Amino acid sequence: MVTKTADDLRTLVQKMLVAAGTDDQTAFAVSDHLVQSNLAGVETHGVNQLWRYLLDIRNGQIVPDAQPAVLKQAANSALVGGNWTFGHAVAKFGMELGIEKAKAGDIAIISMVQLHHIGRVGTYGEMAARAGMVGMTFGAGYCQAAKRTAPYGGRGRVLDTNPISMGFPNPQESDDRPVLLDYATTTKAHSAVYLAKRRGQDLPPGLVIDKDGNPSTDPNAFYDDGSLLPFGLHKGYCLMMAVEFLGRIISGSDEYMDPNRGDMLFRHQGVTMIVFKADLFRSMPDYNKSAFDMAQWTRSIDPAPGFDQVMMPGDPEANRRAEYLRDGIPIADDVWKTIVDEAKTLGVDV
């Protein structure tokens, strides 16, 4: 295990992205997103992903110096085209635009097309919450290659992992501790299965089925035409389908597909964000007090056997962030070796 400060890790990743042809502003946005994901304890969406992005730059599937652009807009909505650059930069642009429109008109809906992987979707909920907004993000990416999840009751792939996030401000407690939901609508994101395969580890039960529909703890079963599973049985499956409609079908992302861009996993990807003022129906001080009281009341509940404490959504990320900012970010040896090897290839000193 290697330990790095957030600043040192961000600087290294930014230099590597610039060396790979990314402009400075986009390189900072992507490197900051990856490091913030590690700080939140979401290793699967942190610097572990860097090799994949560098590969897709070399393959021409990410255009590293492209910039997002507004394709159409109204007072409270916009459709953003990413021009096949990094999804993190496009989604950041989209959330910033949504916040700006919501400040002017109370609520905004932003959809995005032609973008690569957007990373940890919780990042965008945090952005909204810190601006005094409620922010929701729905990401969908159905296409022939990205089908990775079986529908409830099925044994063939239909959907992707279809992540969702919601962020709610809680400034009376801390701007760094918003109430945050952030998860794939599968039992685990695909990157968790990939990491288990890479490290020769078994999966917990309930994550994948094999090609015949049988439960499996072997990550290789997924790669042999198996499938991920929705969380929560039929309820998770229904939510996953709702995300597909919100992210892909409403945005019309299929119409903007490019067979030579976006990686086969992202050619059809669509992302929709809904942003609105937290004080839309009451004063912000009243909202803040209710949010604070709800958090305090919830945490005051006695923990059940096997638990140390009751937490609010977003507490695990906030607690991990404080720990890693203090002690440094731990990086697994295999991930660090990949980063070092890629840096040498790019001529970047580590």
Protein backbone atom coordinates (compact mmCIF):
# COMPACT_ATOMS: atom_id res chain seq x y z
CA MET A 1 0.00 0.00 0.00
CA VAL A 2 1.22 3.50 -0.95
CA THR A 3 0.01 6.67 0.77
CA LYS A 4 -0.17 10.03 -1.03
CA THR A 5 -1.48 13.46 -0.11
CA ALA A 6 -4.45 14.69 -2.11
CA ASP A 7 -2.44 17.60 -3.53
CA ASP A 8 0.47 15.43 -4.66
CA LEU A 9 -1.81 12.87 -6.25
CA ARG A 10 -3.88 15.53 -8.02
CA THR A 11 -0.76 17.21 -9.39
CA LEU A 12 0.63 13.92 -10.72
CA VAL A 13 -2.62 12.91 -12.42
CA GLN A 14 -3.05 16.37 -13.92
CA LYS A 15 0.48 16.29 -15.37
CA MET A 16 -0.16 12.86 -16.87
CA LEU A 17 -3.40 13.99 -18.49
CA VAL A 18 -1.74 17.10 -19.93
CA ALA A 19 1.08 14.94 -21.29
CA ALA A 20 -1.59 12.81 -22.97
CA GLY A 21 -3.00 15.84 -24.80
CA THR A 22 -5.60 17.18 -22.37
CA ASP A 23 -5.94 20.94 -21.92
CA ASP A 24 -5.07 22.34 -18.49
CA GLN A 25 -8.62 23.18 -17.41
CA THR A 26 -10.02 19.77 -18.32
CA ALA A 27 -7.01 17.99 -16.84
CA PHE A 28 -7.56 19.76 -13.53
CA ALA A 29 -11.30 18.95 -13.54
CA VAL A 30 -10.65 15.26 -14.19
CA SER A 31 -7.73 14.92 -11.78
CA ASP A 32 -9.65 16.70 -9.03
CA HIS A 33 -12.67 14.46 -9.60
CA LEU A 34 -10.57 11.30 -9.38
CA VAL A 35 -8.79 12.42 -6.22
CA GLN A 36 -12.04 13.56 -4.63
CA SER A 37 -13.43 10.09 -5.32
CA ASN A 38 -10.48 8.52 -3.52
CA LEU A 39 -10.94 10.97 -0.65
CA ALA A 40 -14.57 9.89 -0.38
CA GLY A 41 -13.44 6.27 -0.10
CA VAL A 42 -14.80 5.34 -3.53
CA GLU A 43 -11.63 3.66 -4.77
CA THR A 44 -13.35 2.13 -7.79
CA HIS A 45 -14.00 5.57 -9.30
CA GLY A 46 -10.75 7.24 -8.26
CA VAL A 47 -7.26 7.13 -9.75
CA ASN A 48 -7.83 3.42 -10.38
CA GLN A 49 -9.65 4.58 -13.54
CA LEU A 50 -6.75 6.61 -14.96
CA TRP A 51 -5.24 3.82 -17.09
CA ARG A 52 -8.60 3.30 -18.76
CA TYR A 53 -8.94 6.96 -19.72
CA LEU A 54 -5.39 7.09 -21.08
CA LEU A 55 -6.11 3.99 -23.17
CA ASP A 56 -9.25 5.58 -24.60
CA ILE A 57 -7.32 8.75 -25.47
CA ARG A 58 -4.83 6.63 -27.39
CA ASN A 59 -7.67 4.75 -29.08
CA GLY A 60 -9.31 8.00 -30.17
CA GLN A 61 -12.43 7.37 -28.11
CA ILE A 62 -11.84 10.35 -25.82
CA VAL A 63 -11.06 13.71 -27.43
CA PRO A 64 -8.98 15.14 -24.58
CA ASP A 65 -8.94 18.79 -25.64
CA ALA A 66 -12.60 19.04 -26.75
CA GLN A 67 -14.98 21.34 -24.88
CA PRO A 68 -18.66 20.88 -24.01
CA ALA A 69 -21.20 23.11 -25.74
CA VAL A 70 -24.87 23.94 -25.26
CA LEU A 71 -26.83 22.41 -28.15
CA LYS A 72 -30.21 23.84 -27.22
CA GLN A 73 -31.61 25.62 -24.18
CA ALA A 74 -34.54 27.44 -22.62
CA ALA A 75 -34.78 29.43 -19.40
CA ASN A 76 -34.95 26.34 -17.20
CA SER A 77 -33.39 23.63 -19.34
CA ALA A 78 -30.48 22.82 -21.61
CA LEU A 79 -29.07 20.01 -23.71
CA VAL A 80 -25.28 19.88 -23.55
CA GLY A 81 -23.05 18.10 -26.05
CA GLY A 82 -19.74 16.91 -24.67
CA ASN A 83 -17.97 16.49 -28.03
CA TRP A 84 -16.59 13.21 -26.66
CA THR A 85 -14.32 14.70 -24.04
CA PHE A 86 -14.04 13.44 -20.46
CA GLY A 87 -17.46 12.92 -18.90
CA HIS A 88 -16.30 14.43 -15.61
CA ALA A 89 -15.65 17.78 -17.29
CA VAL A 90 -18.94 17.66 -19.20
CA ALA A 91 -20.98 16.73 -16.13
CA LYS A 92 -19.27 19.46 -14.09
CA PHE A 93 -20.17 21.94 -16.83
CA GLY A 94 -23.74 20.64 -16.82
CA MET A 95 -24.17 20.92 -13.06
CA GLU A 96 -22.68 24.42 -13.02
CA LEU A 97 -25.13 25.40 -15.76
CA GLY A 98 -27.99 23.82 -13.83
CA ILE A 99 -27.07 25.71 -10.66
CA GLU A 100 -26.87 28.97 -12.60
CA LYS A 101 -30.28 28.42 -14.19
CA ALA A 102 -31.86 27.30 -10.90
CA LYS A 103 -30.57 30.41 -9.14
CA ALA A 104 -32.31 32.50 -11.78
CA GLY A 105 -35.46 30.41 -12.20
CA ASP A 106 -35.81 28.17 -9.12
CA ILE A 107 -35.38 24.87 -10.99
CA ALA A 108 -33.44 23.51 -13.96
CA ILE A 109 -33.15 20.30 -15.96
CA ILE A 110 -29.93 19.64 -17.87
CA SER A 111 -29.30 16.67 -20.14
CA MET A 112 -25.94 15.69 -21.61
CA VAL A 113 -24.95 13.57 -24.60
CA GLN A 114 -21.69 12.65 -26.37
CA LEU A 115 -19.64 12.22 -23.21
CA HIS A 116 -17.37 9.59 -21.76
CA HIS A 117 -17.51 8.09 -18.25
CA ILE A 118 -18.74 10.68 -15.70
CA GLY A 119 -17.07 9.04 -12.71
CA ARG A 120 -18.55 9.18 -9.22
CA VAL A 121 -22.05 10.64 -9.60
CA GLY A 122 -22.12 11.74 -5.96
CA THR A 123 -19.70 14.52 -6.89
CA TYR A 124 -22.47 16.36 -8.70
CA GLY A 125 -24.91 16.07 -5.82
CA GLU A 126 -22.24 17.56 -3.57
CA MET A 127 -21.76 20.46 -5.99
CA ALA A 128 -25.47 21.27 -5.88
CA ALA A 129 -25.71 20.95 -2.10
CA ARG A 130 -22.80 23.32 -1.52
CA ALA A 131 -24.63 25.87 -3.67
CA GLY A 132 -27.77 25.59 -1.53
CA MET A 133 -29.48 23.41 -4.10
CA VAL A 134 -30.94 19.94 -4.29
CA GLY A 135 -29.20 18.12 -7.12
CA MET A 136 -30.14 14.82 -8.76
CA THR A 137 -28.11 12.98 -11.40
CA PHE A 138 -29.27 10.04 -13.51
CA GLY A 139 -26.83 8.26 -15.82
CA ALA A 140 -27.79 5.63 -18.40
CA GLY A 141 -25.75 4.03 -21.15
CA TYR A 142 -27.57 1.23 -22.92
CA CYS A 143 -25.87 -0.04 -26.04
CA GLN A 144 -24.87 -3.41 -27.44
CA ALA A 145 -21.54 -3.44 -25.60
CA ALA A 146 -22.63 -1.75 -22.37
CA LYS A 147 -25.47 -4.12 -21.52
CA ARG A 148 -24.22 -5.60 -18.26
CA THR A 149 -27.30 -6.11 -16.09
CA ALA A 150 -30.10 -8.65 -16.20
CA PRO A 151 -33.67 -7.44 -15.65
CA TYR A 152 -35.49 -8.86 -12.64
CA GLY A 153 -36.45 -12.44 -13.47
CA GLY A 154 -34.16 -12.61 -16.52
CA ARG A 155 -30.77 -14.10 -17.32
CA GLY A 156 -29.69 -11.89 -20.24
CA ARG A 157 -28.21 -8.42 -20.25
CA VAL A 158 -30.51 -5.46 -20.91
CA LEU A 159 -29.28 -2.40 -18.99
CA ASP A 160 -26.06 -0.91 -17.67
CA THR A 161 -25.36 -0.05 -14.00
CA ASN A 162 -27.46 3.15 -14.30
CA PRO A 163 -26.14 5.21 -11.35
CA ILE A 164 -28.15 7.78 -9.44
CA SER A 165 -27.23 10.49 -6.96
CA MET A 166 -29.12 13.04 -4.89
CA GLY A 167 -27.52 15.76 -2.80
CA PHE A 168 -29.24 17.89 -0.14
CA PRO A 169 -27.58 20.80 1.67
CA ASN A 170 -27.01 20.59 5.41
CA PRO A 171 -24.97 23.77 6.05
CA GLN A 172 -25.98 24.16 9.69
CA GLU A 173 -23.93 21.03 10.32
CA SER A 174 -21.23 21.53 7.67
CA ASP A 175 -20.89 22.45 4.00
CA ASP A 176 -18.62 19.39 3.77
CA ARG A 177 -21.31 17.04 5.06
CA PRO A 178 -24.30 17.24 2.69
CA VAL A 179 -26.93 14.54 2.82
CA LEU A 180 -25.88 12.42 -0.14
CA LEU A 181 -27.22 9.38 -1.97
CA ASP A 182 -24.80 7.91 -4.51
CA TYR A 183 -25.03 4.44 -5.94
CA ALA A 184 -25.34 2.27 -8.99
CA THR A 185 -28.75 0.66 -9.28
CA THR A 186 -26.97 -2.68 -9.53
CA THR A 187 -25.90 -4.32 -6.28
CA LYS A 188 -22.38 -3.05 -7.03
CA ALA A 189 -20.81 -1.01 -9.81
CA HIS A 190 -19.05 -2.95 -12.58
CA SER A 191 -15.71 -1.52 -11.48
CA ALA A 192 -16.02 -3.46 -8.21
CA VAL A 193 -16.34 -6.70 -10.18
CA TYR A 194 -13.37 -5.72 -12.33
CA LEU A 195 -11.21 -5.00 -9.26
CA ALA A 196 -12.13 -8.37 -7.73
CA LYS A 197 -11.17 -10.14 -10.96
CA ARG A 198 -7.91 -8.20 -11.19
CA ARG A 199 -7.00 -9.10 -7.60
CA GLY A 200 -8.18 -12.72 -7.73
CA GLN A 201 -10.86 -12.16 -5.12
CA ASP A 202 -14.32 -13.67 -4.76
CA LEU A 203 -17.40 -11.47 -4.86
CA PRO A 204 -20.00 -11.28 -2.10
CA PRO A 205 -23.15 -13.27 -2.89
CA GLY A 206 -25.90 -11.52 -4.82
CA LEU A 207 -23.78 -9.42 -7.17
CA VAL A 208 -23.69 -11.50 -10.35
CA ILE A 209 -25.26 -14.47 -12.08
CA ASP A 210 -23.60 -16.71 -14.63
CA LYS A 211 -24.77 -17.08 -18.23
CA ASP A 212 -27.31 -19.71 -17.17
CA GLY A 213 -28.84 -17.45 -14.53
CA ASN A 214 -27.25 -19.16 -11.53
CA PRO A 215 -25.86 -17.08 -8.62
CA SER A 216 -22.06 -16.89 -8.57
CA THR A 217 -19.32 -15.35 -6.43
CA ASP A 218 -16.70 -15.76 -9.18
CA PRO A 219 -16.09 -12.44 -11.00
CA ASN A 220 -15.05 -14.43 -14.08
CA ALA A 221 -18.64 -15.68 -14.38
CA PHE A 222 -19.69 -12.15 -15.25
CA TYR A 223 -17.10 -11.91 -18.04
CA ASP A 224 -18.24 -15.28 -19.42
CA ASP A 225 -21.60 -13.82 -20.55
CA GLY A 226 -22.94 -13.48 -17.02
CA SER A 227 -24.78 -10.44 -15.71
CA LEU A 228 -24.86 -7.97 -12.88
CA LEU A 229 -28.04 -7.84 -10.80
CA PRO A 230 -30.28 -4.92 -9.83
CA PHE A 231 -30.28 -4.19 -6.12
CA GLY A 232 -33.51 -4.76 -4.22
CA LEU A 233 -34.97 -7.33 -6.61
CA HIS A 234 -37.95 -5.92 -8.57
CA LYS A 235 -37.82 -2.55 -6.79
CA GLY A 236 -34.24 -1.88 -7.81
CA TYR A 237 -34.99 -3.07 -11.33
CA CYS A 238 -37.88 -0.59 -11.63
CA LEU A 239 -35.67 2.24 -10.38
CA MET A 240 -32.97 1.20 -12.84
CA MET A 241 -35.48 1.39 -15.69
CA ALA A 242 -36.59 4.86 -14.52
CA VAL A 243 -32.94 5.99 -14.67
CA GLU A 244 -32.72 4.61 -18.21
CA PHE A 245 -35.67 6.75 -19.25
CA LEU A 246 -34.39 9.85 -17.44
CA GLY A 247 -30.80 9.53 -18.60
CA ARG A 248 -30.95 8.09 -22.10
CA ILE A 249 -34.44 8.18 -23.54
CA ILE A 250 -35.39 11.71 -22.46
CA SER A 251 -32.01 13.13 -23.52
CA GLY A 252 -32.20 11.43 -26.92
CA SER A 253 -28.57 10.37 -26.60
CA ASP A 254 -28.95 7.59 -29.18
CA GLU A 255 -29.40 10.27 -31.85
CA TYR A 256 -25.94 11.69 -31.04
CA MET A 257 -24.08 8.38 -31.08
CA ASP A 258 -20.76 8.23 -32.95
CA PRO A 259 -19.49 4.71 -33.75
CA ASN A 260 -15.89 5.92 -33.52
CA ARG A 261 -16.11 7.87 -30.26
CA GLY A 262 -16.96 7.44 -26.64
CA ASP A 263 -15.81 3.86 -26.20
CA MET A 264 -18.45 1.25 -26.97
CA LEU A 265 -19.61 1.51 -23.35
CA PHE A 266 -20.51 5.20 -23.68
CA ARG A 267 -21.61 5.81 -27.27
CA HIS A 268 -25.29 5.91 -26.30
CA GLN A 269 -24.80 7.34 -22.81
CA GLY A 270 -27.16 10.07 -21.66
CA VAL A 271 -27.07 11.95 -18.35
CA THR A 272 -29.84 14.09 -16.90
CA MET A 273 -29.56 16.41 -13.91
CA ILE A 274 -32.40 18.06 -12.01
CA VAL A 275 -31.45 21.01 -9.82
CA PHE A 276 -33.67 23.19 -7.66
CA LYS A 277 -33.42 25.60 -4.76
CA ALA A 278 -33.63 24.01 -1.33
CA ASP A 279 -35.59 27.08 -0.17
CA LEU A 280 -38.13 26.84 -2.98
CA PHE A 281 -41.06 26.42 -0.57
CA ARG A 282 -39.72 27.78 2.73
CA SER A 283 -36.97 30.02 4.04
CA MET A 284 -33.41 28.71 3.93
CA PRO A 285 -32.96 29.10 7.73
CA ASP A 286 -36.08 26.99 8.29
CA TYR A 287 -34.88 24.38 5.82
CA ASN A 288 -31.43 24.32 7.42
CA LYS A 289 -32.87 23.77 10.89
CA SER A 290 -35.08 20.91 9.72
CA ALA A 291 -32.16 19.28 7.87
CA PHE A 292 -29.92 19.61 10.92
CA ASP A 293 -32.59 18.28 13.30
CA MET A 294 -33.28 15.30 11.02
CA ALA A 295 -29.59 14.38 10.90
CA GLN A 296 -29.12 14.72 14.65
CA TRP A 297 -32.27 12.75 15.43
CA THR A 298 -31.31 9.94 13.06
CA ARG A 299 -27.81 9.59 14.49
CA SER A 300 -29.20 9.53 18.04
CA ILE A 301 -30.95 6.20 17.39
CA ASP A 302 -29.31 3.27 19.18
CA PRO A 303 -27.34 1.09 16.75
CA ALA A 304 -28.54 -2.43 16.02
CA PRO A 305 -26.33 -5.44 16.84
CA GLY A 306 -23.31 -5.47 14.56
CA PHE A 307 -23.29 -1.70 14.03
CA ASP A 308 -21.25 0.94 15.86
CA GLN A 309 -23.46 3.89 15.03
CA VAL A 310 -26.34 5.07 12.86
CA MET A 311 -25.22 7.33 10.03
CA MET A 312 -26.89 9.71 7.61
CA PRO A 313 -26.46 9.21 3.87
CA GLY A 314 -23.16 10.91 3.03
CA ASP A 315 -21.60 10.35 6.46
CA PRO A 316 -19.29 7.52 5.30
CA GLU A 317 -17.87 9.71 2.52
CA ALA A 318 -17.46 12.73 4.81
CA ASN A 319 -15.78 10.65 7.53
CA ARG A 320 -13.40 9.04 5.05
CA ARG A 321 -12.58 12.42 3.50
CA ALA A 322 -11.59 13.86 6.87
CA GLU A 323 -9.44 10.80 7.61
CA TYR A 324 -7.65 10.80 4.26
CA LEU A 325 -7.04 14.56 4.28
CA ARG A 326 -5.40 14.10 7.66
CA ASP A 327 -3.48 10.86 7.08
CA GLY A 328 -3.11 10.66 3.29
CA ILE A 329 -4.87 8.60 0.63
CA PRO A 330 -4.01 4.88 0.59
CA ILE A 331 -3.50 3.45 -2.89
CA ALA A 332 -3.31 -0.27 -3.53
CA ASP A 333 0.05 -1.50 -4.82
CA ASP A 334 -1.38 -2.78 -8.11
CA VAL A 335 -3.09 0.55 -8.80
CA TRP A 336 0.04 2.54 -7.95
CA LYS A 337 2.23 0.34 -10.17
CA THR A 338 -0.13 0.98 -13.10
CA ILE A 339 0.03 4.73 -12.47
CA VAL A 340 3.85 4.69 -12.29
CA ASP A 341 4.11 2.65 -15.49
CA GLU A 342 1.74 5.01 -17.33
CA ALA A 343 3.66 8.04 -16.06
CA LYS A 344 6.92 6.63 -17.41
CA THR A 345 5.28 6.02 -20.78
CA LEU A 346 4.15 9.66 -20.83
CA GLY A 347 7.52 11.00 -19.67
CA VAL A 348 6.15 12.31 -16.38
CA ASP A 349 8.33 12.11 -13.27
CA VAL A 350 6.76 10.43 -10.25
